[in-house]
Amino acid sequence: HIPAYRLLSEQLSQAVEKVNGRFSDGKGYRPVVFLPEHHEWEDIQYFYQMGDVCLVTSLHDGMNLVAKEYVWCQSPERGSLVLSKFTGASRELTEAFIVNPYSIEEIADAIASSLKLSPE
């Protein structure tokens, strides 16, 4: 019910529609699946497990539990974390791809590198 959150949600929905409109294949594939409703922990952990990469690109943040939850839910041989250097979690999760969230190139390189990693 907070106006700023409502506006942000609308902007995010529009951005998702734009990306999906451009990159969907017409056969049901959507590159971005946006699920704005509330989800219980039992469901969230499965979402984390499906993700090959988790991006936490906060500009200013504390420990950021999303990053830790993502790592906790992963099998040892899958999942990469791209983490803003401005999060407190970046000091603990040092094996993540640590990036400057203001650098689009750095984030893109980290995503590409994370997708090329072998399970070992």
PDB file of N, CA and C in Angstrom:
ATOM      1  N   HIS A   1       0.809  -1.208   0.000  1.00  0.00           N
ATOM      2  CA  HIS A   1       0.000   0.000   0.000  1.00  0.00           C
ATOM      3  C   HIS A   1       0.853   1.273   0.000  1.00  0.00           C
ATOM      4  N   ILE A   2       2.154   1.130  -0.064  1.00  0.00           N
ATOM      5  CA  ILE A   2       3.046   2.289  -0.077  1.00  0.00           C
ATOM      6  C   ILE A   2       3.169   2.772  -1.519  1.00  0.00           C
ATOM      7  N   PRO A   3       2.857   4.048  -1.788  1.00  0.00           N
ATOM      8  CA  PRO A   3       2.868   4.549  -3.169  1.00  0.00           C
ATOM      9  C   PRO A   3       4.183   4.308  -3.915  1.00  0.00           C
ATOM     10  N   ALA A   4       5.319   4.503  -3.255  1.00  0.00           N
ATOM     11  CA  ALA A   4       6.607   4.306  -3.930  1.00  0.00           C
ATOM     12  C   ALA A   4       6.792   2.843  -4.344  1.00  0.00           C
ATOM     13  N   TYR A   5       6.361   1.909  -3.507  1.00  0.00           N
ATOM     14  CA  TYR A   5       6.463   0.480  -3.834  1.00  0.00           C
ATOM     15  C   TYR A   5       5.513   0.136  -4.980  1.00  0.00           C
ATOM     16  N   ARG A   6       4.314   0.714  -4.953  1.00  0.00           N
ATOM     17  CA  ARG A   6       3.339   0.469  -6.009  1.00  0.00           C
ATOM     18  C   ARG A   6       3.893   0.945  -7.349  1.00  0.00           C
ATOM     19  N   LEU A   7       4.488   2.123  -7.367  1.00  0.00           N
ATOM     20  CA  LEU A   7       5.089   2.662  -8.587  1.00  0.00           C
ATOM     21  C   LEU A   7       6.243   1.785  -9.054  1.00  0.00           C
ATOM     22  N   LEU A   8       7.093   1.368  -8.138  1.00  0.00           N
ATOM     23  CA  LEU A   8       8.210   0.495  -8.482  1.00  0.00           C
ATOM     24  C   LEU A   8       7.708  -0.823  -9.068  1.00  0.00           C
ATOM     25  N   SER A   9       6.667  -1.384  -8.490  1.00  0.00           N
ATOM     26  CA  SER A   9       6.091  -2.635  -8.984  1.00  0.00           C
ATOM     27  C   SER A   9       5.548  -2.456 -10.400  1.00  0.00           C
ATOM     28  N   GLU A  10       4.890  -1.342 -10.662  1.00  0.00           N
ATOM     29  CA  GLU A  10       4.367  -1.058 -12.001  1.00  0.00           C
ATOM     30  C   GLU A  10       5.512  -0.914 -13.009  1.00  0.00           C
ATOM     31  N   GLN A  11       6.560  -0.202 -12.624  1.00  0.00           N
ATOM     32  CA  GLN A  11       7.712  -0.026 -13.509  1.00  0.00           C
ATOM     33  C   GLN A  11       8.402  -1.363 -13.788  1.00  0.00           C
ATOM     34  N   LEU A  12       8.514  -2.183 -12.771  1.00  0.00           N
ATOM     35  CA  LEU A  12       9.128  -3.491 -12.932  1.00  0.00           C
ATOM     36  C   LEU A  12       8.289  -4.371 -13.856  1.00  0.00           C
ATOM     37  N   SER A  13       6.977  -4.348 -13.685  1.00  0.00           N
ATOM     38  CA  SER A  13       6.086  -5.120 -14.561  1.00  0.00           C
ATOM     39  C   SER A  13       6.235  -4.685 -16.011  1.00  0.00           C
ATOM     40  N   GLN A  14       6.325  -3.392 -16.233  1.00  0.00           N
ATOM     41  CA  GLN A  14       6.495  -2.875 -17.594  1.00  0.00           C
ATOM     42  C   GLN A  14       7.830  -3.307 -18.188  1.00  0.00           C
ATOM     43  N   ALA A  15       8.881  -3.283 -17.379  1.00  0.00           N
ATOM     44  CA  ALA A  15      10.204  -3.711 -17.861  1.00  0.00           C
ATOM     45  C   ALA A  15      10.192  -5.201 -18.209  1.00  0.00           C
ATOM     46  N   VAL A  16       9.544  -6.010 -17.384  1.00  0.00           N
ATOM     47  CA  VAL A  16       9.447  -7.453 -17.644  1.00  0.00           C
ATOM     48  C   VAL A  16       8.683  -7.694 -18.940  1.00  0.00           C
ATOM     49  N   GLU A  17       7.579  -6.990 -19.129  1.00  0.00           N
ATOM     50  CA  GLU A  17       6.794  -7.125 -20.366  1.00  0.00           C
ATOM     51  C   GLU A  17       7.627  -6.755 -21.581  1.00  0.00           C
ATOM     52  N   LYS A  18       8.418  -5.709 -21.472  1.00  0.00           N
ATOM     53  CA  LYS A  18       9.263  -5.274 -22.578  1.00  0.00           C
ATOM     54  C   LYS A  18      10.298  -6.335 -22.931  1.00  0.00           C
ATOM     55  N   VAL A  19      10.984  -6.872 -21.924  1.00  0.00           N
ATOM     56  CA  VAL A  19      12.000  -7.904 -22.160  1.00  0.00           C
ATOM     57  C   VAL A  19      11.347  -9.166 -22.731  1.00  0.00           C
ATOM     58  N   ASN A  20      10.257  -9.604 -22.124  1.00  0.00           N
ATOM     59  CA  ASN A  20       9.583 -10.806 -22.604  1.00  0.00           C
ATOM     60  C   ASN A  20       9.010 -10.611 -24.003  1.00  0.00           C
ATOM     61  N   GLY A  21       8.518  -9.419 -24.292  1.00  0.00           N
ATOM     62  CA  GLY A  21       8.016  -9.132 -25.633  1.00  0.00           C
ATOM     63  C   GLY A  21       9.107  -9.229 -26.684  1.00  0.00           C
ATOM     64  N   ARG A  22      10.295  -8.836 -26.325  1.00  0.00           N
ATOM     65  CA  ARG A  22      11.419  -8.861 -27.265  1.00  0.00           C
ATOM     66  C   ARG A  22      12.046 -10.248 -27.403  1.00  0.00           C
ATOM     67  N   PHE A  23      12.162 -10.994 -26.305  1.00  0.00           N
ATOM     68  CA  PHE A  23      12.947 -12.227 -26.319  1.00  0.00           C
ATOM     69  C   PHE A  23      12.137 -13.521 -26.192  1.00  0.00           C
ATOM     70  N   SER A  24      10.829 -13.460 -25.996  1.00  0.00           N
ATOM     71  CA  SER A  24      10.030 -14.680 -25.938  1.00  0.00           C
ATOM     72  C   SER A  24      10.011 -15.329 -27.313  1.00  0.00           C
ATOM     73  N   ASP A  25       9.855 -16.654 -27.320  1.00  0.00           N
ATOM     74  CA  ASP A  25       9.927 -17.370 -28.597  1.00  0.00           C
ATOM     75  C   ASP A  25       8.570 -17.660 -29.220  1.00  0.00           C
ATOM     76  N   GLY A  26       7.481 -17.251 -28.589  1.00  0.00           N
ATOM     77  CA  GLY A  26       6.153 -17.495 -29.136  1.00  0.00           C
ATOM     78  C   GLY A  26       5.638 -18.904 -28.857  1.00  0.00           C
ATOM     79  N   LYS A  27       6.441 -19.728 -28.203  1.00  0.00           N
ATOM     80  CA  LYS A  27       6.060 -21.112 -27.891  1.00  0.00           C
ATOM     81  C   LYS A  27       5.938 -21.327 -26.385  1.00  0.00           C
ATOM     82  N   GLY A  28       5.858 -20.259 -25.628  1.00  0.00           N
ATOM     83  CA  GLY A  28       5.702 -20.379 -24.189  1.00  0.00           C
ATOM     84  C   GLY A  28       6.928 -19.989 -23.386  1.00  0.00           C
ATOM     85  N   TYR A  29       8.088 -19.855 -24.058  1.00  0.00           N
ATOM     86  CA  TYR A  29       9.300 -19.467 -23.337  1.00  0.00           C
ATOM     87  C   TYR A  29       9.255 -17.983 -23.014  1.00  0.00           C
ATOM     88  N   ARG A  30       9.520 -17.651 -21.760  1.00  0.00           N
ATOM     89  CA  ARG A  30       9.654 -16.266 -21.310  1.00  0.00           C
ATOM     90  C   ARG A  30      10.969 -16.171 -20.559  1.00  0.00           C
ATOM     91  N   PRO A  31      11.861 -15.274 -20.951  1.00  0.00           N
ATOM     92  CA  PRO A  31      13.139 -15.178 -20.254  1.00  0.00           C
ATOM     93  C   PRO A  31      13.013 -14.667 -18.822  1.00  0.00           C
ATOM     94  N   VAL A  32      11.990 -13.892 -18.532  1.00  0.00           N
ATOM     95  CA  VAL A  32      11.799 -13.363 -17.182  1.00  0.00           C
ATOM     96  C   VAL A  32      10.435 -13.820 -16.682  1.00  0.00           C
ATOM     97  N   VAL A  33      10.435 -14.469 -15.536  1.00  0.00           N
ATOM     98  CA  VAL A  33       9.191 -14.868 -14.885  1.00  0.00           C
ATOM     99  C   VAL A  33       9.068 -13.993 -13.644  1.00  0.00           C
ATOM    100  N   PHE A  34       8.078 -13.158 -13.633  1.00  0.00           N
ATOM    101  CA  PHE A  34       7.875 -12.198 -12.549  1.00  0.00           C
ATOM    102  C   PHE A  34       6.731 -12.692 -11.679  1.00  0.00           C
ATOM    103  N   LEU A  35       7.011 -12.940 -10.406  1.00  0.00           N
ATOM    104  CA  LEU A  35       6.024 -13.440  -9.460  1.00  0.00           C
ATOM    105  C   LEU A  35       5.930 -12.461  -8.287  1.00  0.00           C
ATOM    106  N   PRO A  36       5.164 -11.387  -8.441  1.00  0.00           N
ATOM    107  CA  PRO A  36       5.171 -10.311  -7.437  1.00  0.00           C
ATOM    108  C   PRO A  36       4.423 -10.603  -6.143  1.00  0.00           C
ATOM    109  N   GLU A  37       3.669 -11.682  -6.075  1.00  0.00           N
ATOM    110  CA  GLU A  37       2.902 -11.951  -4.862  1.00  0.00           C
ATOM    111  C   GLU A  37       3.791 -12.533  -3.759  1.00  0.00           C
ATOM    112  N   HIS A  38       3.245 -12.610  -2.561  1.00  0.00           N
ATOM    113  CA  HIS A  38       3.971 -13.160  -1.414  1.00  0.00           C
ATOM    114  C   HIS A  38       4.152 -14.664  -1.588  1.00  0.00           C
ATOM    115  N   HIS A  39       5.327 -15.180  -1.198  1.00  0.00           N
ATOM    116  CA  HIS A  39       5.611 -16.614  -1.268  1.00  0.00           C
ATOM    117  C   HIS A  39       6.150 -17.072   0.076  1.00  0.00           C
ATOM    118  N   GLU A  40       5.736 -18.247   0.483  1.00  0.00           N
ATOM    119  CA  GLU A  40       6.216 -18.838   1.725  1.00  0.00           C
ATOM    120  C   GLU A  40       7.620 -19.400   1.519  1.00  0.00           C
ATOM    121  N   TRP A  41       8.377 -19.572   2.602  1.00  0.00           N
ATOM    122  CA  TRP A  41       9.747 -20.072   2.543  1.00  0.00           C
ATOM    123  C   TRP A  41       9.831 -21.416   1.816  1.00  0.00           C
ATOM    124  N   GLU A  42       8.855 -22.283   2.035  1.00  0.00           N
ATOM    125  CA  GLU A  42       8.865 -23.605   1.401  1.00  0.00           C
ATOM    126  C   GLU A  42       8.898 -23.486  -0.121  1.00  0.00           C
ATOM    127  N   ASP A  43       8.266 -22.459  -0.659  1.00  0.00           N
ATOM    128  CA  ASP A  43       8.268 -22.230  -2.110  1.00  0.00           C
ATOM    129  C   ASP A  43       9.533 -21.503  -2.553  1.00  0.00           C
ATOM    130  N   ILE A  44       9.959 -20.539  -1.763  1.00  0.00           N
ATOM    131  CA  ILE A  44      11.116 -19.713  -2.142  1.00  0.00           C
ATOM    132  C   ILE A  44      12.370 -20.558  -2.303  1.00  0.00           C
ATOM    133  N   GLN A  45      12.581 -21.523  -1.435  1.00  0.00           N
ATOM    134  CA  GLN A  45      13.805 -22.318  -1.537  1.00  0.00           C
ATOM    135  C   GLN A  45      13.869 -23.075  -2.855  1.00  0.00           C
ATOM    136  N   TYR A  46      12.730 -23.472  -3.406  1.00  0.00           N
ATOM    137  CA  TYR A  46      12.729 -24.151  -4.705  1.00  0.00           C
ATOM    138  C   TYR A  46      13.043 -23.175  -5.840  1.00  0.00           C
ATOM    139  N   PHE A  47      12.595 -21.935  -5.710  1.00  0.00           N
ATOM    140  CA  PHE A  47      12.951 -20.917  -6.703  1.00  0.00           C
ATOM    141  C   PHE A  47      14.467 -20.721  -6.719  1.00  0.00           C
ATOM    142  N   TYR A  48      15.061 -20.631  -5.535  1.00  0.00           N
ATOM    143  CA  TYR A  48      16.518 -20.480  -5.445  1.00  0.00           C
ATOM    144  C   TYR A  48      17.226 -21.655  -6.109  1.00  0.00           C
ATOM    145  N   GLN A  49      16.722 -22.857  -5.899  1.00  0.00           N
ATOM    146  CA  GLN A  49      17.371 -24.044  -6.453  1.00  0.00           C
ATOM    147  C   GLN A  49      17.274 -24.098  -7.980  1.00  0.00           C
ATOM    148  N   MET A  50      16.273 -23.495  -8.557  1.00  0.00           N
ATOM    149  CA  MET A  50      16.123 -23.492 -10.016  1.00  0.00           C
ATOM    150  C   MET A  50      17.081 -22.520 -10.687  1.00  0.00           C
ATOM    151  N   GLY A  51      17.544 -21.524  -9.958  1.00  0.00           N
ATOM    152  CA  GLY A  51      18.362 -20.478 -10.556  1.00  0.00           C
ATOM    153  C   GLY A  51      19.806 -20.892 -10.760  1.00  0.00           C
ATOM    154  N   ASP A  52      20.302 -20.729 -11.970  1.00  0.00           N
ATOM    155  CA  ASP A  52      21.718 -20.980 -12.254  1.00  0.00           C
ATOM    156  C   ASP A  52      22.586 -19.852 -11.714  1.00  0.00           C
ATOM    157  N   VAL A  53      22.012 -18.651 -11.666  1.00  0.00           N
ATOM    158  CA  VAL A  53      22.745 -17.473 -11.180  1.00  0.00           C
ATOM    159  C   VAL A  53      21.786 -16.639 -10.340  1.00  0.00           C
ATOM    160  N   CYS A  54      22.304 -16.116  -9.245  1.00  0.00           N
ATOM    161  CA  CYS A  54      21.547 -15.179  -8.418  1.00  0.00           C
ATOM    162  C   CYS A  54      22.300 -13.857  -8.419  1.00  0.00           C
ATOM    163  N   LEU A  55      21.608 -12.780  -8.772  1.00  0.00           N
ATOM    164  CA  LEU A  55      22.211 -11.453  -8.757  1.00  0.00           C
ATOM    165  C   LEU A  55      21.692 -10.677  -7.557  1.00  0.00           C
ATOM    166  N   VAL A  56      22.597 -10.224  -6.722  1.00  0.00           N
ATOM    167  CA  VAL A  56      22.262  -9.343  -5.611  1.00  0.00           C
ATOM    168  C   VAL A  56      23.122  -8.104  -5.824  1.00  0.00           C
ATOM    169  N   THR A  57      22.532  -7.099  -6.445  1.00  0.00           N
ATOM    170  CA  THR A  57      23.311  -5.938  -6.887  1.00  0.00           C
ATOM    171  C   THR A  57      22.902  -4.673  -6.144  1.00  0.00           C
ATOM    172  N   SER A  58      22.765  -4.800  -4.853  1.00  0.00           N
ATOM    173  CA  SER A  58      22.387  -3.667  -4.015  1.00  0.00           C
ATOM    174  C   SER A  58      23.417  -2.551  -4.108  1.00  0.00           C
ATOM    175  N   LEU A  59      22.925  -1.320  -4.052  1.00  0.00           N
ATOM    176  CA  LEU A  59      23.817  -0.164  -4.067  1.00  0.00           C
ATOM    177  C   LEU A  59      24.299   0.181  -2.660  1.00  0.00           C
ATOM    178  N   HIS A  60      23.504  -0.171  -1.676  1.00  0.00           N
ATOM    179  CA  HIS A  60      23.854   0.054  -0.275  1.00  0.00           C
ATOM    180  C   HIS A  60      23.001  -0.914   0.529  1.00  0.00           C
ATOM    181  N   ASP A  61      23.633  -1.727   1.352  1.00  0.00           N
ATOM    182  CA  ASP A  61      22.859  -2.756   2.018  1.00  0.00           C
ATOM    183  C   ASP A  61      23.593  -3.281   3.236  1.00  0.00           C
ATOM    184  N   GLY A  62      22.874  -4.017   4.035  1.00  0.00           N
ATOM    185  CA  GLY A  62      23.473  -4.699   5.180  1.00  0.00           C
ATOM    186  C   GLY A  62      23.997  -6.054   4.752  1.00  0.00           C
ATOM    187  N   MET A  63      23.649  -7.079   5.496  1.00  0.00           N
ATOM    188  CA  MET A  63      24.169  -8.426   5.220  1.00  0.00           C
ATOM    189  C   MET A  63      23.526  -9.045   3.988  1.00  0.00           C
ATOM    190  N   ASN A  64      22.340  -8.698   3.660  1.00  0.00           N
ATOM    191  CA  ASN A  64      21.562  -9.214   2.547  1.00  0.00           C
ATOM    192  C   ASN A  64      21.363 -10.718   2.647  1.00  0.00           C
ATOM    193  N   LEU A  65      20.283 -11.086   3.259  1.00  0.00           N
ATOM    194  CA  LEU A  65      19.978 -12.496   3.487  1.00  0.00           C
ATOM    195  C   LEU A  65      19.645 -13.249   2.206  1.00  0.00           C
ATOM    196  N   VAL A  66      19.187 -12.571   1.167  1.00  0.00           N
ATOM    197  CA  VAL A  66      18.887 -13.250  -0.094  1.00  0.00           C
ATOM    198  C   VAL A  66      20.120 -13.988  -0.601  1.00  0.00           C
ATOM    199  N   ALA A  67      21.269 -13.351  -0.561  1.00  0.00           N
ATOM    200  CA  ALA A  67      22.507 -13.980  -1.023  1.00  0.00           C
ATOM    201  C   ALA A  67      22.811 -15.236  -0.214  1.00  0.00           C
ATOM    202  N   LYS A  68      22.668 -15.152   1.084  1.00  0.00           N
ATOM    203  CA  LYS A  68      22.960 -16.301   1.953  1.00  0.00           C
ATOM    204  C   LYS A  68      21.920 -17.406   1.773  1.00  0.00           C
ATOM    205  N   GLU A  69      20.665 -17.032   1.627  1.00  0.00           N
ATOM    206  CA  GLU A  69      19.626 -18.033   1.397  1.00  0.00           C
ATOM    207  C   GLU A  69      19.854 -18.765   0.079  1.00  0.00           C
ATOM    208  N   TYR A  70      20.231 -18.038  -0.966  1.00  0.00           N
ATOM    209  CA  TYR A  70      20.498 -18.656  -2.265  1.00  0.00           C
ATOM    210  C   TYR A  70      21.614 -19.691  -2.139  1.00  0.00           C
ATOM    211  N   VAL A  71      22.715 -19.318  -1.507  1.00  0.00           N
ATOM    212  CA  VAL A  71      23.845 -20.231  -1.344  1.00  0.00           C
ATOM    213  C   VAL A  71      23.430 -21.437  -0.504  1.00  0.00           C
ATOM    214  N   TRP A  72      22.707 -21.215   0.566  1.00  0.00           N
ATOM    215  CA  TRP A  72      22.289 -22.289   1.453  1.00  0.00           C
ATOM    216  C   TRP A  72      21.421 -23.321   0.724  1.00  0.00           C
ATOM    217  N   CYS A  73      20.600 -22.873  -0.238  1.00  0.00           N
ATOM    218  CA  CYS A  73      19.665 -23.761  -0.937  1.00  0.00           C
ATOM    219  C   CYS A  73      20.303 -24.543  -2.087  1.00  0.00           C
ATOM    220  N   GLN A  74      21.507 -24.177  -2.501  1.00  0.00           N
ATOM    221  CA  GLN A  74      22.106 -24.793  -3.680  1.00  0.00           C
ATOM    222  C   GLN A  74      22.738 -26.146  -3.389  1.00  0.00           C
ATOM    223  N   SER A  75      22.733 -26.993  -4.425  1.00  0.00           N
ATOM    224  CA  SER A  75      23.535 -28.211  -4.404  1.00  0.00           C
ATOM    225  C   SER A  75      24.975 -27.781  -4.619  1.00  0.00           C
ATOM    226  N   PRO A  76      25.943 -28.564  -4.130  1.00  0.00           N
ATOM    227  CA  PRO A  76      27.349 -28.158  -4.263  1.00  0.00           C
ATOM    228  C   PRO A  76      27.805 -27.929  -5.708  1.00  0.00           C
ATOM    229  N   GLU A  77      27.196 -28.616  -6.664  1.00  0.00           N
ATOM    230  CA  GLU A  77      27.685 -28.524  -8.038  1.00  0.00           C
ATOM    231  C   GLU A  77      26.914 -27.539  -8.916  1.00  0.00           C
ATOM    232  N   ARG A  78      26.085 -26.703  -8.328  1.00  0.00           N
ATOM    233  CA  ARG A  78      25.362 -25.754  -9.182  1.00  0.00           C
ATOM    234  C   ARG A  78      25.116 -24.426  -8.476  1.00  0.00           C
ATOM    235  N   GLY A  79      24.834 -23.447  -9.293  1.00  0.00           N
ATOM    236  CA  GLY A  79      24.462 -22.139  -8.792  1.00  0.00           C
ATOM    237  C   GLY A  79      25.646 -21.229  -8.539  1.00  0.00           C
ATOM    238  N   SER A  80      25.574 -20.033  -9.102  1.00  0.00           N
ATOM    239  CA  SER A  80      26.603 -19.012  -8.891  1.00  0.00           C
ATOM    240  C   SER A  80      25.950 -17.755  -8.341  1.00  0.00           C
ATOM    241  N   LEU A  81      26.698 -17.043  -7.530  1.00  0.00           N
ATOM    242  CA  LEU A  81      26.207 -15.817  -6.919  1.00  0.00           C
ATOM    243  C   LEU A  81      27.011 -14.643  -7.441  1.00  0.00           C
ATOM    244  N   VAL A  82      26.308 -13.647  -7.978  1.00  0.00           N
ATOM    245  CA  VAL A  82      26.914 -12.376  -8.374  1.00  0.00           C
ATOM    246  C   VAL A  82      26.459 -11.377  -7.320  1.00  0.00           C
ATOM    247  N   LEU A  83      27.425 -10.814  -6.609  1.00  0.00           N
ATOM    248  CA  LEU A  83      27.129 -10.056  -5.394  1.00  0.00           C
ATOM    249  C   LEU A  83      27.776  -8.680  -5.418  1.00  0.00           C
ATOM    250  N   SER A  84      27.005  -7.677  -5.098  1.00  0.00           N
ATOM    251  CA  SER A  84      27.511  -6.309  -5.005  1.00  0.00           C
ATOM    252  C   SER A  84      28.574  -6.190  -3.922  1.00  0.00           C
ATOM    253  N   LYS A  85      29.625  -5.471  -4.233  1.00  0.00           N
ATOM    254  CA  LYS A  85      30.678  -5.245  -3.243  1.00  0.00           C
ATOM    255  C   LYS A  85      30.199  -4.361  -2.089  1.00  0.00           C
ATOM    256  N   PHE A  86      29.028  -3.757  -2.237  1.00  0.00           N
ATOM    257  CA  PHE A  86      28.499  -2.885  -1.201  1.00  0.00           C
ATOM    258  C   PHE A  86      27.629  -3.613  -0.177  1.00  0.00           C
ATOM    259  N   THR A  87      27.446  -4.914  -0.337  1.00  0.00           N
ATOM    260  CA  THR A  87      26.673  -5.665   0.650  1.00  0.00           C
ATOM    261  C   THR A  87      27.607  -6.185   1.739  1.00  0.00           C
ATOM    262  N   GLY A  88      27.077  -6.287   2.928  1.00  0.00           N
ATOM    263  CA  GLY A  88      27.862  -6.868   4.010  1.00  0.00           C
ATOM    264  C   GLY A  88      28.194  -8.330   3.726  1.00  0.00           C
ATOM    265  N   ALA A  89      27.307  -9.008   3.011  1.00  0.00           N
ATOM    266  CA  ALA A  89      27.515 -10.423   2.701  1.00  0.00           C
ATOM    267  C   ALA A  89      28.750 -10.641   1.827  1.00  0.00           C
ATOM    268  N   SER A  90      29.190  -9.628   1.094  1.00  0.00           N
ATOM    269  CA  SER A  90      30.355  -9.799   0.203  1.00  0.00           C
ATOM    270  C   SER A  90      31.636 -10.043   0.998  1.00  0.00           C
ATOM    271  N   ARG A  91      31.649  -9.634   2.249  1.00  0.00           N
ATOM    272  CA  ARG A  91      32.826  -9.884   3.090  1.00  0.00           C
ATOM    273  C   ARG A  91      32.883 -11.332   3.569  1.00  0.00           C
ATOM    274  N   GLU A  92      31.749 -12.011   3.583  1.00  0.00           N
ATOM    275  CA  GLU A  92      31.694 -13.404   4.022  1.00  0.00           C
ATOM    276  C   GLU A  92      31.633 -14.379   2.854  1.00  0.00           C
ATOM    277  N   LEU A  93      30.916 -14.019   1.813  1.00  0.00           N
ATOM    278  CA  LEU A  93      30.724 -14.911   0.665  1.00  0.00           C
ATOM    279  C   LEU A  93      31.761 -14.586  -0.408  1.00  0.00           C
ATOM    280  N   THR A  94      33.006 -14.809  -0.066  1.00  0.00           N
ATOM    281  CA  THR A  94      34.125 -14.362  -0.902  1.00  0.00           C
ATOM    282  C   THR A  94      34.302 -15.166  -2.180  1.00  0.00           C
ATOM    283  N   GLU A  95      33.644 -16.319  -2.302  1.00  0.00           N
ATOM    284  CA  GLU A  95      33.739 -17.096  -3.530  1.00  0.00           C
ATOM    285  C   GLU A  95      32.707 -16.659  -4.566  1.00  0.00           C
ATOM    286  N   ALA A  96      31.858 -15.723  -4.188  1.00  0.00           N
ATOM    287  CA  ALA A  96      30.900 -15.165  -5.143  1.00  0.00           C
ATOM    288  C   ALA A  96      31.645 -14.296  -6.153  1.00  0.00           C
ATOM    289  N   PHE A  97      30.979 -13.969  -7.237  1.00  0.00           N
ATOM    290  CA  PHE A  97      31.507 -12.989  -8.181  1.00  0.00           C
ATOM    291  C   PHE A  97      31.167 -11.622  -7.594  1.00  0.00           C
ATOM    292  N   ILE A  98      32.152 -10.942  -7.058  1.00  0.00           N
ATOM    293  CA  ILE A  98      31.935  -9.655  -6.406  1.00  0.00           C
ATOM    294  C   ILE A  98      32.052  -8.560  -7.465  1.00  0.00           C
ATOM    295  N   VAL A  99      31.021  -7.707  -7.558  1.00  0.00           N
ATOM    296  CA  VAL A  99      30.969  -6.692  -8.613  1.00  0.00           C
ATOM    297  C   VAL A  99      30.630  -5.322  -8.051  1.00  0.00           C
ATOM    298  N   ASN A 100      30.977  -4.315  -8.844  1.00  0.00           N
ATOM    299  CA  ASN A 100      30.524  -2.961  -8.589  1.00  0.00           C
ATOM    300  C   ASN A 100      29.167  -2.833  -9.284  1.00  0.00           C
ATOM    301  N   PRO A 101      28.079  -2.631  -8.543  1.00  0.00           N
ATOM    302  CA  PRO A 101      26.756  -2.606  -9.162  1.00  0.00           C
ATOM    303  C   PRO A 101      26.536  -1.405 -10.092  1.00  0.00           C
ATOM    304  N   TYR A 102      27.427  -0.437 -10.067  1.00  0.00           N
ATOM    305  CA  TYR A 102      27.328   0.694 -10.983  1.00  0.00           C
ATOM    306  C   TYR A 102      27.970   0.393 -12.337  1.00  0.00           C
ATOM    307  N   SER A 103      28.629  -0.751 -12.463  1.00  0.00           N
ATOM    308  CA  SER A 103      29.330  -1.112 -13.701  1.00  0.00           C
ATOM    309  C   SER A 103      28.558  -2.201 -14.451  1.00  0.00           C
ATOM    310  N   ILE A 104      27.862  -1.805 -15.499  1.00  0.00           N
ATOM    311  CA  ILE A 104      27.101  -2.757 -16.313  1.00  0.00           C
ATOM    312  C   ILE A 104      28.034  -3.802 -16.910  1.00  0.00           C
ATOM    313  N   GLU A 105      29.204  -3.367 -17.364  1.00  0.00           N
ATOM    314  CA  GLU A 105      30.162  -4.290 -17.979  1.00  0.00           C
ATOM    315  C   GLU A 105      30.651  -5.330 -16.969  1.00  0.00           C
ATOM    316  N   GLU A 106      30.923  -4.894 -15.758  1.00  0.00           N
ATOM    317  CA  GLU A 106      31.398  -5.805 -14.719  1.00  0.00           C
ATOM    318  C   GLU A 106      30.327  -6.847 -14.379  1.00  0.00           C
ATOM    319  N   ILE A 107      29.092  -6.413 -14.294  1.00  0.00           N
ATOM    320  CA  ILE A 107      27.997  -7.340 -14.010  1.00  0.00           C
ATOM    321  C   ILE A 107      27.828  -8.315 -15.166  1.00  0.00           C
ATOM    322  N   ALA A 108      27.843  -7.814 -16.395  1.00  0.00           N
ATOM    323  CA  ALA A 108      27.701  -8.685 -17.571  1.00  0.00           C
ATOM    324  C   ALA A 108      28.827  -9.713 -17.631  1.00  0.00           C
ATOM    325  N   ASP A 109      30.047  -9.291 -17.374  1.00  0.00           N
ATOM    326  CA  ASP A 109      31.187 -10.217 -17.374  1.00  0.00           C
ATOM    327  C   ASP A 109      31.033 -11.281 -16.285  1.00  0.00           C
ATOM    328  N   ALA A 110      30.549 -10.880 -15.115  1.00  0.00           N
ATOM    329  CA  ALA A 110      30.370 -11.831 -14.009  1.00  0.00           C
ATOM    330  C   ALA A 110      29.288 -12.855 -14.354  1.00  0.00           C
ATOM    331  N   ILE A 111      28.202 -12.400 -14.959  1.00  0.00           N
ATOM    332  CA  ILE A 111      27.140 -13.330 -15.357  1.00  0.00           C
ATOM    333  C   ILE A 111      27.688 -14.317 -16.385  1.00  0.00           C
ATOM    334  N   ALA A 112      28.373 -13.807 -17.395  1.00  0.00           N
ATOM    335  CA  ALA A 112      28.935 -14.687 -18.437  1.00  0.00           C
ATOM    336  C   ALA A 112      29.916 -15.684 -17.833  1.00  0.00           C
ATOM    337  N   SER A 113      30.792 -15.217 -16.966  1.00  0.00           N
ATOM    338  CA  SER A 113      31.765 -16.111 -16.337  1.00  0.00           C
ATOM    339  C   SER A 113      31.089 -17.160 -15.470  1.00  0.00           C
ATOM    340  N   SER A 114      30.057 -16.761 -14.750  1.00  0.00           N
ATOM    341  CA  SER A 114      29.364 -17.699 -13.859  1.00  0.00           C
ATOM    342  C   SER A 114      28.669 -18.795 -14.656  1.00  0.00           C
ATOM    343  N   LEU A 115      28.153 -18.454 -15.823  1.00  0.00           N
ATOM    344  CA  LEU A 115      27.468 -19.456 -16.646  1.00  0.00           C
ATOM    345  C   LEU A 115      28.422 -20.417 -17.327  1.00  0.00           C
ATOM    346  N   LYS A 116      29.703 -20.037 -17.416  1.00  0.00           N
ATOM    347  CA  LYS A 116      30.700 -20.891 -18.053  1.00  0.00           C
ATOM    348  C   LYS A 116      31.401 -21.828 -17.070  1.00  0.00           C
ATOM    349  N   LEU A 117      31.143 -21.659 -15.788  1.00  0.00           N
ATOM    350  CA  LEU A 117      31.820 -22.485 -14.777  1.00  0.00           C
ATOM    351  C   LEU A 117      31.440 -23.953 -14.919  1.00  0.00           C
ATOM    352  N   SER A 118      32.413 -24.820 -14.757  1.00  0.00           N
ATOM    353  CA  SER A 118      32.112 -26.246 -14.713  1.00  0.00           C
ATOM    354  C   SER A 118      31.658 -26.591 -13.299  1.00  0.00           C
ATOM    355  N   PRO A 119      30.937 -27.685 -13.134  1.00  0.00           N
ATOM    356  CA  PRO A 119      30.474 -28.053 -11.776  1.00  0.00           C
ATOM    357  C   PRO A 119      31.615 -28.213 -10.780  1.00  0.00           C
ATOM    358  N   GLU A 120      32.778 -28.638 -11.251  1.00  0.00           N
ATOM    359  CA  GLU A 120      33.910 -28.792 -10.344  1.00  0.00           C
ATOM    360  C   GLU A 120      34.335 -27.449  -9.794  1.00  0.00           C
TER     361      GLU A 120
END
